[in-house]
Structures are given as structure tokens and as C-alpha cells.
Amino acid sequence: MTELSISLLPENPSDDAAIERLVARTFGPGRFARTAYRLRENNPHRRDLSFTAYIGTMLVGSVRLTPIEIGELPALLLGPLTVEPPFRSHGIGRRLVERCLDAAKAAMSAEGAARLVLLVGDEPYYGRLGFHRVPHGQVSLPGPVDPARVLVCALDGTPMEAVRGAVRKAAFQQAPAA
């Protein structure tokens, strides 16, 4: 198969409707019952840390980062990460995650910036991208979740022992870096 020409772009407001349709197609109505959705509901994502994947003019993927806190630590929630089914297994999801993690690392110079990225997902996939399982009992989420799927990436080497406490929406929204 020929290599796909994929453009990774910062998300902008004109992408919103297409992203919502893609998320609805790939996750279905059950997405509203997921614990991660509870953390994103009425909690604006950081558009400056969120990216889209295009092939030509067609949106084929999206990833978002949303401000949260883990205990007292500022963090980001990764997700939803979604890729159009016909374009999966082409590295688009991996490239989107790498791009948003790079952007989050670059934003760490701001006071109070997130040092951690949390997600609920498959360790075999996300482990290759720097995520590690949070030891059972160190964090609590606002709903049911398989503890083996709670993963974190320390952007600055924060030790896993420091990742503890209740996971909740961020108390304040940090403005994106200029």
C-alpha cells in the first residue's frame, strides 16, 4: 500500500462539528456513560494542545487534552483519541498522541502547567508512547474504571509515587501560552 500523506494540524473551531461526528461514529452513544467523559463534560479542552489529522481536506483523526487535577497536581486528560476506521493501522493515532505530548511538554514552562497526562486505555498501545499503569489504589476517578487501564505519562519525570489522589476537573483553566 502507498504511504498516506497525513497533515497534523492544531485543532481550531472550524473542526468542531467534524470531530463530534467522528467521535459519535467511533464511540457511539455509550461514550456519555464513560468515566473519562464525566471529566470532560463542561470542562473545555485545551485547543492549543489538541490536534487533528487530515488526508487532503478530509478529517481522519483527532486527539484532545483537557485540564484535570490528580490530587493537587495539575494534569491533562488525553482523549478522546479517534481515527476513522478505514485509516486505522497507519500510525495516525500514534502520531496524534506524540504531537499532543510534545505540545504539552513545550507548554510546561508556564506556571502551574500540567506535568502529567492521564488516560484510560490499553497499556500495550499507550505504553509504547510513554504511558505507565498507575499502581492500583493511588488514584480515584469519578466513576467506574478498570484500574489496569488507568495510565499516566510524566512529562517531566514526576515519580509514579507522586501520582495519587482524586482525579477531578481542574479548579481553574490555565490560559494557553501566547
Protein backbone atom coordinates (compact mmCIF):
# COMPACT_ATOMS: atom_id res chain seq x y z
CA MET A 1 0.00 0.00 0.00
CA THR A 2 1.22 3.52 -0.70
CA GLU A 3 2.16 5.83 2.16
CA LEU A 4 -0.66 8.16 3.17
CA SER A 5 0.02 11.89 3.10
CA ILE A 6 -1.24 12.95 6.51
CA SER A 7 -1.29 16.51 7.80
CA LEU A 8 -1.31 17.02 11.58
CA LEU A 9 -2.75 20.41 12.43
CA PRO A 10 -3.66 22.26 15.61
CA GLU A 11 -7.38 21.94 16.24
CA ASN A 12 -9.44 25.03 15.51
CA PRO A 13 -13.12 25.90 15.98
CA SER A 14 -13.99 25.07 12.38
CA ASP A 15 -13.07 21.41 13.16
CA ASP A 16 -15.61 21.04 15.99
CA ALA A 17 -18.58 19.65 14.04
CA ALA A 18 -16.46 17.14 12.09
CA ILE A 19 -14.71 16.00 15.28
CA GLU A 20 -18.03 15.50 17.07
CA ARG A 21 -19.35 13.42 14.15
CA LEU A 22 -16.17 11.32 14.13
CA VAL A 23 -16.35 10.73 17.89
CA ALA A 24 -20.04 9.79 17.63
CA ARG A 25 -19.28 7.28 14.85
CA THR A 26 -16.31 5.68 16.56
CA PHE A 27 -17.50 5.62 20.19
CA GLY A 28 -21.29 5.62 19.84
CA PRO A 29 -23.81 6.75 22.44
CA GLY A 30 -22.09 4.72 25.17
CA ARG A 31 -19.37 7.38 25.31
CA PHE A 32 -21.57 9.53 27.54
CA ALA A 33 -21.53 6.90 30.30
CA ARG A 34 -17.74 6.57 30.44
CA THR A 35 -15.83 7.94 33.40
CA ALA A 36 -13.47 9.92 31.16
CA TYR A 37 -16.48 11.66 29.60
CA ARG A 38 -17.53 12.84 33.08
CA LEU A 39 -14.17 14.56 33.45
CA ARG A 40 -14.53 16.24 30.03
CA GLU A 41 -18.18 17.26 30.40
CA ASN A 42 -18.44 21.06 30.82
CA ASN A 43 -14.64 21.15 31.06
CA PRO A 44 -13.18 22.85 27.96
CA HIS A 45 -10.26 21.09 26.35
CA ARG A 46 -7.02 22.92 25.59
CA ARG A 47 -7.38 23.67 21.90
CA ASP A 48 -3.70 24.72 21.81
CA LEU A 49 -2.74 21.16 22.87
CA SER A 50 -5.29 19.35 20.71
CA PHE A 51 -4.67 18.19 17.14
CA THR A 52 -6.38 16.89 14.04
CA ALA A 53 -5.23 14.59 11.26
CA TYR A 54 -6.23 15.28 7.68
CA ILE A 55 -5.76 13.42 4.42
CA GLY A 56 -6.34 16.14 1.89
CA THR A 57 -9.41 18.00 3.12
CA MET A 58 -10.87 15.00 4.98
CA LEU A 59 -10.61 14.89 8.78
CA VAL A 60 -9.50 11.35 9.67
CA GLY A 61 -8.38 11.73 13.28
CA SER A 62 -8.43 13.85 16.40
CA VAL A 63 -6.92 13.97 19.87
CA ARG A 64 -7.72 16.37 22.71
CA LEU A 65 -6.14 17.26 26.04
CA THR A 66 -8.38 18.54 28.85
CA PRO A 67 -7.19 20.11 32.12
CA ILE A 68 -7.67 17.97 35.23
CA GLU A 69 -6.04 17.55 38.62
CA ILE A 70 -4.70 14.39 40.20
CA GLY A 71 -4.70 15.14 43.90
CA GLU A 72 -3.02 18.55 43.96
CA LEU A 73 -1.05 18.05 40.75
CA PRO A 74 -2.14 19.84 37.57
CA ALA A 75 -2.56 17.31 34.79
CA LEU A 76 -4.21 16.73 31.43
CA LEU A 77 -6.66 14.06 30.34
CA LEU A 78 -5.91 12.60 26.93
CA GLY A 79 -8.94 11.81 24.86
CA PRO A 80 -10.86 11.16 23.00
CA LEU A 81 -8.30 9.86 20.56
CA THR A 82 -10.14 8.76 17.47
CA VAL A 83 -9.27 7.75 13.92
CA GLU A 84 -11.66 6.91 11.09
CA PRO A 85 -11.86 3.09 10.95
CA PRO A 86 -10.59 2.74 7.36
CA PHE A 87 -7.44 4.69 8.32
CA ARG A 88 -6.52 2.80 11.48
CA SER A 89 -3.27 0.80 11.50
CA HIS A 90 -1.48 3.57 9.58
CA GLY A 91 0.12 5.21 12.65
CA ILE A 92 -2.25 8.18 12.71
CA GLY A 93 -3.27 7.69 16.35
CA ARG A 94 0.36 7.29 17.44
CA ARG A 95 1.36 10.45 15.57
CA LEU A 96 -1.52 12.42 17.12
CA VAL A 97 -0.56 11.31 20.64
CA GLU A 98 3.11 12.10 20.07
CA ARG A 99 2.18 15.56 18.76
CA CYS A 100 -0.04 16.45 21.72
CA LEU A 101 2.54 15.16 24.24
CA ASP A 102 5.23 17.28 22.55
CA ALA A 103 2.95 20.33 22.76
CA ALA A 104 2.17 19.64 26.43
CA LYS A 105 5.91 19.36 27.21
CA ALA A 106 6.56 22.65 25.42
CA ALA A 107 3.81 24.30 27.50
CA MET A 108 5.34 23.20 30.82
CA SER A 109 7.30 26.43 31.22
CA ALA A 110 4.09 28.21 32.26
CA GLU A 111 3.44 28.48 35.99
CA GLY A 112 1.01 25.82 37.16
CA ALA A 113 1.33 23.91 33.89
CA ALA A 114 0.44 20.23 33.76
CA ARG A 115 3.29 17.80 34.35
CA LEU A 116 1.22 14.65 33.83
CA VAL A 117 -1.08 13.25 31.14
CA LEU A 118 -3.63 10.66 32.27
CA LEU A 119 -5.81 8.42 30.16
CA VAL A 120 -7.96 5.33 30.37
CA GLY A 121 -6.74 2.96 27.70
CA ASP A 122 -4.81 -0.10 26.62
CA GLU A 123 -1.33 -0.37 28.11
CA PRO A 124 0.13 -2.36 25.19
CA TYR A 125 -0.73 0.50 22.81
CA TYR A 126 -0.06 3.53 25.02
CA GLY A 127 2.94 2.01 26.81
CA ARG A 128 4.91 2.40 23.57
CA LEU A 129 4.16 6.13 23.78
CA GLY A 130 5.48 6.64 27.33
CA PHE A 131 2.43 5.79 29.44
CA HIS A 132 2.63 3.58 32.52
CA ARG A 133 -0.04 1.93 34.62
CA VAL A 134 -0.88 3.82 37.80
CA PRO A 135 -0.50 1.41 40.73
CA HIS A 136 -3.89 0.20 41.97
CA GLY A 137 -5.37 2.44 44.65
CA GLN A 138 -3.17 5.50 44.05
CA VAL A 139 -5.86 7.44 42.18
CA SER A 140 -9.63 7.52 42.24
CA LEU A 141 -11.77 8.58 39.33
CA PRO A 142 -15.36 9.93 39.43
CA GLY A 143 -16.87 6.68 38.20
CA PRO A 144 -16.13 3.05 37.50
CA VAL A 145 -12.97 2.22 35.60
CA ASP A 146 -10.76 -0.82 35.19
CA PRO A 147 -7.67 0.08 37.27
CA ALA A 148 -5.43 -1.77 34.79
CA ARG A 149 -6.45 0.80 32.15
CA VAL A 150 -5.55 3.92 34.16
CA LEU A 151 -2.30 5.11 32.62
CA VAL A 152 -0.13 8.18 33.09
CA CYS A 153 2.74 9.81 31.24
CA ALA A 154 5.01 12.03 33.34
CA LEU A 155 6.08 14.87 31.07
CA ASP A 156 8.86 15.95 33.42
CA GLY A 157 9.89 12.75 35.19
CA THR A 158 7.44 13.14 38.09
CA PRO A 159 7.80 9.88 40.05
CA MET A 160 4.88 7.45 39.95
CA GLU A 161 4.66 7.63 43.77
CA ALA A 162 3.58 11.30 43.44
CA VAL A 163 0.65 10.36 41.21
CA ARG A 164 -2.04 9.92 43.82
CA GLY A 165 -5.37 11.32 44.89
CA ALA A 166 -8.75 12.08 43.40
CA VAL A 167 -8.88 12.79 39.67
CA ARG A 168 -11.17 15.74 39.00
CA LYS A 169 -11.75 18.63 36.65
CA ALA A 170 -9.17 21.40 37.01
CA ALA A 171 -10.13 24.06 39.54
CA PHE A 172 -9.09 26.79 37.12
CA GLN A 173 -8.45 26.93 33.42
CA GLN A 174 -4.92 27.92 32.52
CA ALA A 175 -4.74 30.21 29.55
CA PRO A 176 -2.76 28.83 26.63
CA ALA A 177 0.77 30.17 26.18
CA ALA A 178 0.99 33.08 23.78
